[in-house]
Amino acid sequence: MALSIKDPTVDKNLRLLASMTGESLTRAAASAIEEKLAKLEAAKAKKRVARRKAVEDFLKDRPRLKFKGGKTLKEITDELWGM
């Protein structure tokens, strides 16, 4: 599969990255993409943990209401979050 880089700045930066790392152009591009994806996944996971904590903090001071099926709101929330 071919990739055509038409932006001269991107081409220049990719070549610079490849020369600095000793990688091929393909490997340098792949490494940069993999690193960016890893950072985005880590940020996504961090946000998910923060949301989960916010919900838990909100629920811990609430009375233990029972819903249909006899489950508490926390039990339902845990199921939704896969806990």
Protein backbone atom coordinates (compact mmCIF):
# COMPACT_ATOMS: atom_id res chain seq x y z
CA MET A 1 0.00 0.00 0.00
CA ALA A 2 1.46 3.34 -1.03
CA LEU A 3 1.42 6.61 0.86
CA SER A 4 2.10 9.84 -0.95
CA ILE A 5 3.24 12.74 1.21
CA LYS A 6 2.52 15.97 -0.62
CA ASP A 7 3.36 18.40 2.17
CA PRO A 8 7.05 19.35 1.89
CA THR A 9 7.31 20.11 5.61
CA VAL A 10 5.97 16.69 6.55
CA ASP A 11 8.33 15.04 4.07
CA LYS A 12 11.29 17.00 5.46
CA ASN A 13 10.37 16.18 9.07
CA LEU A 14 9.87 12.49 8.31
CA ARG A 15 13.26 12.32 6.61
CA LEU A 16 14.86 14.13 9.56
CA LEU A 17 13.21 11.74 12.03
CA ALA A 18 14.36 8.73 10.02
CA SER A 19 17.92 10.00 9.83
CA MET A 20 18.02 10.82 13.55
CA THR A 21 16.70 7.40 14.56
CA GLY A 22 18.48 5.37 11.89
CA GLU A 23 15.15 3.94 10.77
CA SER A 24 13.72 3.65 7.29
CA LEU A 25 11.11 6.22 6.27
CA THR A 26 8.41 3.57 6.65
CA ARG A 27 9.61 2.50 10.10
CA ALA A 28 9.99 6.13 11.26
CA ALA A 29 6.43 6.93 10.14
CA ALA A 30 5.08 3.74 11.73
CA SER A 31 6.88 4.43 15.01
CA ALA A 32 5.59 8.01 15.14
CA ILE A 33 2.03 6.82 14.45
CA GLU A 34 2.27 4.05 17.06
CA GLU A 35 3.59 6.48 19.68
CA LYS A 36 0.79 8.97 18.97
CA LEU A 37 -1.87 6.24 19.17
CA ALA A 38 -0.43 5.00 22.48
CA LYS A 39 -0.57 8.52 23.92
CA LEU A 40 -4.16 8.96 22.78
CA GLU A 41 -5.17 5.59 24.25
CA ALA A 42 -3.48 6.48 27.56
CA ALA A 43 -5.30 9.82 27.67
CA LYS A 44 -8.59 8.08 26.89
CA ALA A 45 -8.02 5.57 29.70
CA LYS A 46 -7.12 8.38 32.11
CA LYS A 47 -10.37 10.20 31.28
CA ARG A 48 -12.35 6.98 31.73
CA VAL A 49 -10.81 6.47 35.19
CA ALA A 50 -11.57 10.08 36.13
CA ARG A 51 -15.20 9.73 35.01
CA ARG A 52 -15.52 6.48 36.93
CA LYS A 53 -14.11 8.13 40.07
CA ALA A 54 -16.49 11.08 39.70
CA VAL A 55 -19.46 8.72 39.49
CA GLU A 56 -18.22 6.71 42.47
CA ASP A 57 -17.70 9.88 44.52
CA PHE A 58 -21.19 11.03 43.61
CA LEU A 59 -22.75 7.69 44.51
CA LYS A 60 -20.92 7.02 47.78
CA ASP A 61 -22.89 9.71 49.62
CA ARG A 62 -26.25 8.67 48.18
CA PRO A 63 -28.66 6.33 49.90
CA ARG A 64 -28.64 2.72 48.70
CA LEU A 65 -31.75 2.78 46.54
CA LYS A 66 -32.94 -0.54 45.18
CA PHE A 67 -34.08 -0.75 41.59
CA LYS A 68 -36.00 -3.35 39.66
CA GLY A 69 -34.28 -6.68 40.20
CA GLY A 70 -33.12 -5.68 43.70
CA LYS A 71 -29.86 -4.09 42.53
CA THR A 72 -28.43 -0.88 43.92
CA LEU A 73 -27.45 1.98 41.65
CA LYS A 74 -23.79 1.20 42.37
CA GLU A 75 -24.26 -2.43 41.28
CA ILE A 76 -25.91 -1.29 38.07
CA THR A 77 -23.17 1.26 37.45
CA ASP A 78 -20.47 -1.36 38.09
CA GLU A 79 -22.11 -3.64 35.53
CA LEU A 80 -22.22 -0.82 32.97
CA TRP A 81 -18.53 -0.06 33.54
CA GLY A 82 -17.61 -3.73 33.40
CA MET A 83 -16.41 -3.95 36.98
